[in-house]
Amino acid sequence: MSRSNARAATDSRMRRMSLSLVAAALPVCVLGVAYDALWLLGVGAWSSSRPS
């Protein structure tokens, strides 16, 4: 009985750690994607407005 309780406690601890990792990584990923999109738009606008 105590073994299953320890396993449940470990599972909930691992789940909590993975949720906090996802919560920490998600804003970084969103900011990275937004920065890439802005950079690509800026480079595209700069290269298309440049006289060839």
N, C-alpha and C. Protein backbone atom coordinates (compact mmCIF):
# COMPACT_ATOMS: atom_id res chain seq x y z
N MET A 1 0.83 -1.20 0.00
CA MET A 1 0.00 0.00 0.00
C MET A 1 0.87 1.26 0.00
N SER A 2 1.92 1.25 0.82
CA SER A 2 2.75 2.45 0.89
C SER A 2 3.53 2.64 -0.41
N ARG A 3 3.81 1.54 -1.11
CA ARG A 3 4.54 1.65 -2.36
C ARG A 3 3.70 2.39 -3.41
N SER A 4 2.41 2.09 -3.48
CA SER A 4 1.55 2.77 -4.44
C SER A 4 1.37 4.23 -4.05
N ASN A 5 1.34 4.52 -2.74
CA ASN A 5 1.24 5.91 -2.30
C ASN A 5 2.50 6.69 -2.69
N ALA A 6 3.65 6.05 -2.52
CA ALA A 6 4.91 6.71 -2.89
C ALA A 6 4.96 6.92 -4.40
N ARG A 7 4.47 5.95 -5.16
CA ARG A 7 4.46 6.09 -6.61
C ARG A 7 3.52 7.21 -7.03
N ALA A 8 2.36 7.31 -6.39
CA ALA A 8 1.41 8.38 -6.70
C ALA A 8 2.00 9.74 -6.36
N ALA A 9 2.72 9.82 -5.24
CA ALA A 9 3.36 11.08 -4.87
C ALA A 9 4.44 11.45 -5.87
N THR A 10 5.21 10.46 -6.31
CA THR A 10 6.25 10.72 -7.30
C THR A 10 5.64 11.13 -8.63
N ASP A 11 4.56 10.47 -9.03
CA ASP A 11 3.89 10.83 -10.29
C ASP A 11 3.37 12.25 -10.24
N SER A 12 2.75 12.63 -9.14
CA SER A 12 2.21 13.99 -9.06
C SER A 12 3.34 15.01 -9.02
N ARG A 13 4.46 14.65 -8.38
CA ARG A 13 5.61 15.56 -8.34
C ARG A 13 6.19 15.74 -9.74
N MET A 14 6.33 14.64 -10.48
CA MET A 14 6.86 14.72 -11.84
C MET A 14 5.91 15.50 -12.74
N ARG A 15 4.60 15.28 -12.55
CA ARG A 15 3.62 16.01 -13.36
C ARG A 15 3.70 17.50 -13.08
N ARG A 16 3.86 17.84 -11.79
CA ARG A 16 3.95 19.25 -11.42
C ARG A 16 5.23 19.87 -12.00
N MET A 17 6.34 19.12 -11.97
CA MET A 17 7.59 19.63 -12.54
C MET A 17 7.47 19.83 -14.03
N SER A 18 6.85 18.88 -14.73
CA SER A 18 6.74 19.02 -16.18
C SER A 18 5.80 20.17 -16.54
N LEU A 19 4.74 20.36 -15.75
CA LEU A 19 3.85 21.49 -16.00
C LEU A 19 4.58 22.81 -15.80
N SER A 20 5.40 22.90 -14.77
CA SER A 20 6.13 24.14 -14.54
C SER A 20 7.17 24.36 -15.64
N LEU A 21 7.77 23.29 -16.14
CA LEU A 21 8.71 23.43 -17.25
C LEU A 21 8.00 23.93 -18.50
N VAL A 22 6.82 23.37 -18.78
CA VAL A 22 6.05 23.81 -19.94
C VAL A 22 5.63 25.27 -19.77
N ALA A 23 5.19 25.62 -18.57
CA ALA A 23 4.78 27.00 -18.31
C ALA A 23 5.96 27.96 -18.45
N ALA A 24 7.17 27.52 -18.13
CA ALA A 24 8.34 28.38 -18.27
C ALA A 24 8.79 28.45 -19.73
N ALA A 25 8.66 27.36 -20.48
CA ALA A 25 9.16 27.32 -21.84
C ALA A 25 8.19 27.94 -22.85
N LEU A 26 6.90 27.92 -22.54
CA LEU A 26 5.91 28.40 -23.50
C LEU A 26 6.08 29.88 -23.84
N PRO A 27 6.22 30.80 -22.88
CA PRO A 27 6.42 32.20 -23.26
C PRO A 27 7.69 32.41 -24.07
N VAL A 28 8.75 31.65 -23.75
CA VAL A 28 9.99 31.78 -24.51
C VAL A 28 9.77 31.37 -25.96
N CYS A 29 9.04 30.27 -26.17
CA CYS A 29 8.76 29.81 -27.53
C CYS A 29 7.89 30.82 -28.27
N VAL A 30 6.87 31.34 -27.60
CA VAL A 30 5.98 32.31 -28.24
C VAL A 30 6.77 33.57 -28.62
N LEU A 31 7.62 34.04 -27.71
CA LEU A 31 8.42 35.22 -28.02
C LEU A 31 9.39 34.95 -29.16
N GLY A 32 9.97 33.76 -29.19
CA GLY A 32 10.88 33.42 -30.27
C GLY A 32 10.18 33.39 -31.62
N VAL A 33 9.00 32.80 -31.67
CA VAL A 33 8.25 32.73 -32.92
C VAL A 33 7.84 34.14 -33.35
N ALA A 34 7.38 34.95 -32.41
CA ALA A 34 6.99 36.33 -32.75
C ALA A 34 8.19 37.12 -33.25
N TYR A 35 9.35 36.95 -32.61
CA TYR A 35 10.55 37.66 -33.03
C TYR A 35 10.98 37.23 -34.43
N ASP A 36 10.92 35.91 -34.70
CA ASP A 36 11.26 35.43 -36.03
C ASP A 36 10.32 35.98 -37.08
N ALA A 37 9.02 36.00 -36.76
CA ALA A 37 8.04 36.52 -37.72
C ALA A 37 8.30 38.00 -37.99
N LEU A 38 8.55 38.78 -36.94
CA LEU A 38 8.84 40.20 -37.14
C LEU A 38 10.13 40.40 -37.92
N TRP A 39 11.15 39.59 -37.63
CA TRP A 39 12.41 39.71 -38.33
C TRP A 39 12.23 39.38 -39.81
N LEU A 40 11.49 38.29 -40.09
CA LEU A 40 11.26 37.92 -41.48
C LEU A 40 10.45 38.98 -42.21
N LEU A 41 9.44 39.53 -41.55
CA LEU A 41 8.65 40.61 -42.16
C LEU A 41 9.53 41.83 -42.41
N GLY A 42 10.37 42.16 -41.47
CA GLY A 42 11.26 43.31 -41.63
C GLY A 42 12.24 43.11 -42.76
N VAL A 43 12.84 41.92 -42.83
CA VAL A 43 13.80 41.64 -43.90
C VAL A 43 13.08 41.61 -45.24
N GLY A 44 11.87 41.02 -45.27
CA GLY A 44 11.11 40.98 -46.52
C GLY A 44 10.73 42.37 -46.98
N ALA A 45 10.29 43.23 -46.06
CA ALA A 45 9.93 44.58 -46.42
C ALA A 45 11.17 45.37 -46.87
N TRP A 46 12.28 45.15 -46.17
CA TRP A 46 13.50 45.88 -46.50
C TRP A 46 14.02 45.46 -47.88
N SER A 47 14.00 44.16 -48.15
CA SER A 47 14.54 43.69 -49.42
C SER A 47 13.61 44.02 -50.59
N SER A 48 12.29 44.08 -50.35
CA SER A 48 11.37 44.39 -51.44
C SER A 48 11.36 45.90 -51.72
N SER A 49 11.63 46.73 -50.73
CA SER A 49 11.62 48.17 -50.95
C SER A 49 12.97 48.67 -51.46
N ARG A 50 13.99 47.82 -51.40
CA ARG A 50 15.32 48.20 -51.86
C ARG A 50 15.34 48.26 -53.38
N PRO A 51 15.87 49.30 -53.97
CA PRO A 51 15.92 49.33 -55.44
C PRO A 51 16.90 48.29 -55.98
N SER A 52 16.49 47.54 -56.99
CA SER A 52 17.35 46.48 -57.50
C SER A 52 18.05 46.93 -58.77
